[in-house]
Protein backbone atom coordinates (compact mmCIF):
# COMPACT_ATOMS: atom_id res chain seq x y z
CA UNK A 1 119.45 115.83 126.68
CA UNK A 2 118.35 119.08 125.05
CA UNK A 3 120.27 120.62 122.15
CA UNK A 4 119.55 124.04 120.70
CA UNK A 5 121.26 126.15 118.05
CA UNK A 6 121.19 129.90 118.58
CA UNK A 7 121.85 131.77 115.35
CA UNK A 8 123.87 134.99 115.07
CA UNK A 9 123.83 135.75 118.79
CA UNK A 10 127.62 136.25 119.06
CA UNK A 11 129.58 139.29 117.95
CA UNK A 12 132.54 138.68 115.69
CA UNK A 13 134.97 139.05 118.60
CA UNK A 14 132.91 136.64 120.72
CA UNK A 15 132.79 134.10 117.89
CA UNK A 16 136.54 134.42 117.26
CA UNK A 17 137.38 134.05 120.94
CA UNK A 18 135.44 130.77 121.13
CA UNK A 19 136.67 129.54 117.75
CA UNK A 20 140.30 130.08 118.78
CA UNK A 21 139.87 127.72 121.74
CA UNK A 22 138.81 124.74 119.63
CA UNK A 23 141.43 122.09 118.83
CA UNK A 24 141.48 121.05 115.18
CA UNK A 25 139.23 123.87 114.05
CA UNK A 26 138.56 123.41 110.34
CA UNK A 27 139.17 125.84 107.49
CA UNK A 28 135.65 125.43 106.11
CA UNK A 29 134.12 126.52 109.42
CA UNK A 30 136.26 129.65 109.72
CA UNK A 31 134.85 133.16 109.45
CA UNK A 32 137.08 134.42 106.58
CA UNK A 33 136.32 131.23 104.60
CA UNK A 34 132.62 132.06 104.87
CA UNK A 35 133.35 135.61 103.70
CA UNK A 36 135.29 134.30 100.70
CA UNK A 37 132.54 131.85 99.70
CA UNK A 38 129.86 134.49 100.20
CA UNK A 39 131.65 136.90 97.86
CA UNK A 40 132.27 134.18 95.29
CA UNK A 41 128.91 132.39 95.23
CA UNK A 42 126.50 134.95 96.70
CA UNK A 43 125.80 132.73 99.68
CA UNK A 44 124.90 134.06 103.12
CA UNK A 45 126.74 132.72 106.17
CA UNK A 46 124.92 131.99 109.39
CA UNK A 47 126.73 131.41 112.68
CA UNK A 48 125.33 129.08 115.33
CA UNK A 49 126.14 128.71 119.00
CA UNK A 50 125.30 125.15 120.07
CA UNK A 51 123.99 124.60 123.59
CA UNK A 52 123.58 121.25 125.32
CA UNK A 53 121.25 121.39 128.33
CA UNK A 54 121.73 125.16 128.39
CA UNK A 55 125.53 124.98 128.37
CA UNK A 56 127.68 126.29 125.52
CA UNK A 57 128.91 123.19 123.67
CA UNK A 58 130.18 124.20 120.24
CA UNK A 59 129.94 126.26 117.08
CA UNK A 60 128.57 125.66 113.61
CA UNK A 61 128.77 127.79 110.48
CA UNK A 62 126.41 127.25 107.58
CA UNK A 63 126.25 128.74 104.11
CA UNK A 64 122.75 129.51 102.92
CA UNK A 65 121.12 130.52 99.65
CA UNK A 66 117.49 131.07 98.75
CA UNK A 67 115.15 132.25 96.04
CA UNK A 68 111.56 133.46 96.14
CA UNK A 69 111.47 133.85 99.94
CA UNK A 70 113.32 130.54 100.35
CA UNK A 71 110.86 128.45 98.37
CA UNK A 72 114.06 127.24 96.78
CA UNK A 73 116.55 126.96 99.58
CA UNK A 74 120.00 125.47 100.14
CA UNK A 75 122.11 124.99 103.25
CA UNK A 76 125.69 123.78 103.39
CA UNK A 77 127.56 122.57 106.47
CA UNK A 78 131.05 121.36 105.62
CA UNK A 79 133.29 119.90 108.31
CA UNK A 80 131.18 121.06 111.21
CA UNK A 81 130.00 121.36 113.88
CA UNK A 82 133.05 122.08 116.03
CA UNK A 83 132.86 121.21 119.70
CA UNK A 84 134.26 122.83 122.83
CA UNK A 85 136.35 120.82 125.25
CA UNK A 86 134.22 118.20 126.99
CA UNK A 87 131.70 117.92 124.16
CA UNK A 88 131.55 116.12 120.82
CA UNK A 89 130.32 112.64 121.71
CA UNK A 90 127.98 110.63 119.52
CA UNK A 91 125.10 111.58 121.81
CA UNK A 92 125.94 115.25 121.39
CA UNK A 93 125.95 114.74 117.62
CA UNK A 94 122.57 113.03 117.93
CA UNK A 95 121.22 116.10 119.67
CA UNK A 96 122.75 118.45 117.10
CA UNK A 97 121.44 116.43 114.14
CA UNK A 98 117.95 116.51 115.65
CA UNK A 99 118.11 120.27 116.20
CA UNK A 100 119.34 120.80 112.65
CA UNK A 101 116.56 118.63 111.24
CA UNK A 102 113.95 120.60 113.15
CA UNK A 103 115.41 123.87 111.88
CA UNK A 104 115.86 122.79 108.25
CA UNK A 105 113.67 119.73 107.54
CA UNK A 106 113.93 118.03 104.20
CA UNK A 107 111.29 119.29 101.79
CA UNK A 108 110.65 119.98 98.14
CA UNK A 109 112.84 122.84 96.96
CA UNK A 110 115.42 122.51 99.73
CA UNK A 111 118.91 121.16 99.08
CA UNK A 112 120.91 120.08 102.10
CA UNK A 113 124.63 119.31 102.18
CA UNK A 114 126.00 118.12 105.51
CA UNK A 115 129.52 116.77 106.07
CA UNK A 116 129.87 116.28 109.84
CA UNK A 117 133.32 116.80 111.35
CA UNK A 118 133.34 113.48 113.15
CA UNK A 119 135.06 110.13 112.67
CA UNK A 120 133.02 108.03 110.27
CA UNK A 121 131.42 104.79 111.40
CA UNK A 122 128.23 102.77 111.60
CA UNK A 123 127.10 104.43 114.84
CA UNK A 124 127.36 107.93 113.38
CA UNK A 125 125.57 106.81 110.23
CA UNK A 126 122.70 105.41 112.29
CA UNK A 127 122.39 108.63 114.28
CA UNK A 128 122.23 110.77 111.16
CA UNK A 129 119.76 108.58 109.27
CA UNK A 130 117.50 108.33 112.32
CA UNK A 131 117.54 112.13 112.50
CA UNK A 132 116.33 112.32 108.88
CA UNK A 133 119.53 112.74 106.87
CA UNK A 134 120.25 110.58 103.84
CA UNK A 135 123.78 109.33 103.04
CA UNK A 136 125.15 110.19 99.62
CA UNK A 137 127.48 108.17 97.39
CA UNK A 138 130.60 110.09 98.36
CA UNK A 139 133.21 108.18 100.35
CA UNK A 140 134.31 109.39 103.77
CA UNK A 141 136.65 112.37 103.61
CA UNK A 142 140.21 111.62 104.69
CA UNK A 143 142.78 114.05 105.98
CA UNK A 144 145.95 114.02 108.07
CA UNK A 145 146.48 116.10 111.20
CA UNK A 146 149.82 116.96 112.79
CA UNK A 147 150.02 117.97 116.45
CA UNK A 148 152.00 121.22 116.60
CA UNK A 149 152.31 121.06 120.38
CA UNK A 150 154.90 118.28 120.03
CA UNK A 151 158.65 118.89 119.86
CA UNK A 152 160.82 118.78 116.74
CA UNK A 153 162.35 115.56 118.06
CA UNK A 154 158.91 113.93 118.12
CA UNK A 155 158.09 115.21 114.63
CA UNK A 156 161.39 113.84 113.33
CA UNK A 157 160.81 110.49 115.01
CA UNK A 158 157.33 110.24 113.45
CA UNK A 159 158.56 110.83 109.89
CA UNK A 160 158.55 107.79 107.60
CA UNK A 161 162.07 106.75 106.63
CA UNK A 162 161.71 107.85 103.01
CA UNK A 163 160.37 111.25 104.03
CA UNK A 164 163.16 111.69 106.56
CA UNK A 165 165.73 110.83 103.93
CA UNK A 166 164.28 113.37 101.49
CA UNK A 167 164.33 116.04 104.20
CA UNK A 168 167.98 115.39 104.96
CA UNK A 169 168.75 115.61 101.26
CA UNK A 170 166.98 118.97 101.00
CA UNK A 171 168.85 120.29 104.03
CA UNK A 172 172.15 119.64 102.25
CA UNK A 173 171.23 121.36 98.96
CA UNK A 174 171.78 124.97 99.99
CA UNK A 175 168.06 125.80 100.02
CA UNK A 176 166.87 128.87 101.87
CA UNK A 177 163.25 129.31 102.98
CA UNK A 178 161.41 132.63 103.15
CA UNK A 179 157.91 133.30 104.48
CA UNK A 180 155.44 135.99 103.44
CA UNK A 181 152.16 136.83 105.17
CA UNK A 182 151.53 140.09 103.28
CA UNK A 183 150.38 138.57 99.99
CA UNK A 184 153.43 139.87 98.11
CA UNK A 185 154.24 136.44 96.68
CA UNK A 186 150.63 135.43 95.97
CA UNK A 187 150.72 136.42 92.23
CA UNK A 188 154.01 134.54 91.78
CA UNK A 189 152.64 131.35 93.32
CA UNK A 190 149.35 131.57 91.40
CA UNK A 191 151.18 131.89 88.08
CA UNK A 192 153.31 128.80 88.68
CA UNK A 193 150.50 126.79 90.29
CA UNK A 194 148.07 127.39 87.41
CA UNK A 195 150.65 126.50 84.75
CA UNK A 196 151.54 123.32 86.62
CA UNK A 197 147.88 122.42 87.18
CA UNK A 198 147.08 122.79 83.48
CA UNK A 199 150.13 120.87 82.32
CA UNK A 200 149.55 117.95 84.70
CA UNK A 201 145.73 118.09 84.65
CA UNK A 202 145.12 117.55 88.36
CA UNK A 203 142.30 118.70 90.59
CA UNK A 204 142.92 121.65 92.85
CA UNK A 205 141.37 124.89 94.08
CA UNK A 206 140.39 127.31 91.30
CA UNK A 207 141.96 130.73 90.81
CA UNK A 208 138.68 132.55 91.69
CA UNK A 209 138.46 130.64 94.99
CA UNK A 210 142.11 131.21 95.89
CA UNK A 211 141.82 134.89 95.00
CA UNK A 212 138.72 135.27 97.16
CA UNK A 213 140.44 133.48 100.04
CA UNK A 214 143.43 135.79 99.69
CA UNK A 215 141.14 138.80 99.90
CA UNK A 216 139.88 137.81 103.36
CA UNK A 217 142.84 135.94 104.87
CA UNK A 218 145.67 138.33 103.94
CA UNK A 219 144.43 141.40 105.90
CA UNK A 220 144.74 139.45 109.17
CA UNK A 221 148.05 137.85 108.12
CA UNK A 222 146.36 134.45 108.05
CA UNK A 223 147.61 133.46 104.59
CA UNK A 224 151.23 132.32 104.64
CA UNK A 225 153.31 131.63 101.55
CA UNK A 226 156.60 129.81 101.89
CA UNK A 227 159.19 129.90 99.11
CA UNK A 228 162.24 127.68 98.68
CA UNK A 229 165.18 129.32 96.91
CA UNK A 230 168.59 128.29 95.64
CA UNK A 231 171.00 131.11 94.86
CA UNK A 232 168.10 133.53 95.19
CA UNK A 233 165.93 131.75 92.60
CA UNK A 234 162.54 130.35 93.75
CA UNK A 235 162.22 126.63 93.04
CA UNK A 236 159.10 125.70 95.08
CA UNK A 237 156.30 127.23 97.13
CA UNK A 238 153.41 126.38 99.43
CA UNK A 239 150.32 128.27 100.61
CA UNK A 240 148.92 127.82 104.12
CA UNK A 241 145.74 129.26 105.64
CA UNK A 242 145.54 129.89 109.38
CA UNK A 243 142.19 129.65 111.18
CA UNK A 244 141.81 129.83 114.91
CA UNK A 245 144.42 127.60 116.55
CA UNK A 246 144.95 125.55 113.40
CA UNK A 247 146.26 125.87 109.85
CA UNK A 248 145.56 124.07 106.57
CA UNK A 249 147.91 123.24 103.73
CA UNK A 250 146.11 124.57 100.66
CA UNK A 251 148.33 124.31 97.56
CA UNK A 252 151.93 123.81 96.55
CA UNK A 253 154.19 124.01 93.52
CA UNK A 254 157.63 122.64 92.70
CA UNK A 255 159.87 123.23 89.70
CA UNK A 256 162.05 120.47 88.30
CA UNK A 257 164.89 121.73 90.47
CA UNK A 258 162.54 121.78 93.43
CA UNK A 259 161.66 118.13 92.89
CA UNK A 260 165.30 117.15 92.43
CA UNK A 261 166.25 118.75 95.73
CA UNK A 262 163.13 117.69 97.70
CA UNK A 263 162.39 121.35 98.38
CA UNK A 264 158.73 120.60 99.17
CA UNK A 265 159.78 118.38 102.06
CA UNK A 266 161.87 121.16 103.54
CA UNK A 267 159.06 123.70 103.08
CA UNK A 268 156.55 121.58 104.99
CA UNK A 269 159.08 120.76 107.70
CA UNK A 270 159.84 124.44 108.17
CA UNK A 271 156.09 125.14 108.15
CA UNK A 272 155.70 123.07 111.33
CA UNK A 273 158.22 125.29 113.10
CA UNK A 274 156.74 128.55 111.80
CA UNK A 275 153.17 127.58 112.71
CA UNK A 276 154.23 126.42 116.16
CA UNK A 277 156.03 129.74 116.71
CA UNK A 278 152.75 131.53 115.85
CA UNK A 279 151.10 129.66 118.72
CA UNK A 280 149.04 127.27 116.59
CA UNK A 281 148.32 123.78 117.87
CA UNK A 282 147.19 121.74 114.85
CA UNK A 283 148.09 121.43 111.16
CA UNK A 284 145.63 119.95 108.65
CA UNK A 285 147.52 118.61 105.63
CA UNK A 286 144.33 118.60 103.55
CA UNK A 287 142.32 115.89 101.86
CA UNK A 288 143.89 112.64 100.68
CA UNK A 289 142.48 109.72 98.73
CA UNK A 290 143.59 106.48 97.11
CA UNK A 291 141.55 106.79 93.93
CA UNK A 292 142.89 109.87 92.15
CA UNK A 293 145.94 111.01 94.11
CA UNK A 294 147.83 108.07 95.60
CA UNK A 295 151.11 109.94 95.30
CA UNK A 296 149.76 112.90 97.27
CA UNK A 297 148.47 110.61 100.01
CA UNK A 298 151.81 108.81 100.23
CA UNK A 299 153.68 112.13 100.43
CA UNK A 300 151.44 113.57 103.17
CA UNK A 301 151.33 110.30 105.09
CA UNK A 302 155.12 110.35 105.19
CA UNK A 303 155.00 113.20 107.70
CA UNK A 304 153.69 110.78 110.31
CA UNK A 305 150.53 112.62 111.29
CA UNK A 306 147.18 111.10 112.27
CA UNK A 307 145.02 109.89 109.38
CA UNK A 308 141.36 110.50 110.13
CA UNK A 309 138.27 109.34 108.23
CA UNK A 310 135.54 111.94 108.44
CA UNK A 311 131.93 111.12 107.71
CA UNK A 312 130.88 111.45 104.09
CA UNK A 313 128.14 113.68 102.73
CA UNK A 314 124.53 113.63 103.91
CA UNK A 315 121.49 115.46 102.59
């Protein structure tokens, strides 16, 4: 098997057309995410078309930085590569890892960060180490995916009993939901999110990152903000980012009234319907872990999606 990576050979429209066909496309491999990171950290994106035995097999996006003609060089691949239908086996990953190693071999002055978008396991670890990548201390990344091609009846059936009960409670509290894809409610959500984050001292995306993401996702109506209101007063909100045929839950905020009425449950339930109506096929609820955010993992797991363990970091 021969694997090659052809860099920057696709136009933006050609890249987007292929990206849109991939199930479970990830936020970190999306074009506007690369634009946002480039503006924020002065990194340069590079877009790769992966070929297996001369056939188009997938896409990969890397972020790159260098100094002194790349004597000091860094490459970042987070949650990639992404494979086209019919590709993505362990052998295909073996070929990709070998091609990547040949292109960017480990050396003095080069920093490599590689988080493959593939289910973690001993076989994958062996493939990557044999290709020349070293595992880091980070645990595998966990997230939860919901299939948006299913019906509301299936979604409801898959809900955990506690989550279903909270949803029913919210539906009886006179809450109305409104959606904005113009960015009009972005300042409102940022204000409440940052206050809440400081008061409760939890990890979450920074304001500079969220602002940069807004700059590149809003023009294409790919940033969606949902607000829950009672008597016209906002009590909770969520921010979603759409990328290709998928979307990612990015941040959320709830007031005391929002928590009392389970408004967040209703917002995420309504999000499934809105995203499905937009023609999207997959919803990534975002990272979960047992160590620092057990409550978040329990809440997201209650939606009944598929918990996946993605390979940890390699260098």
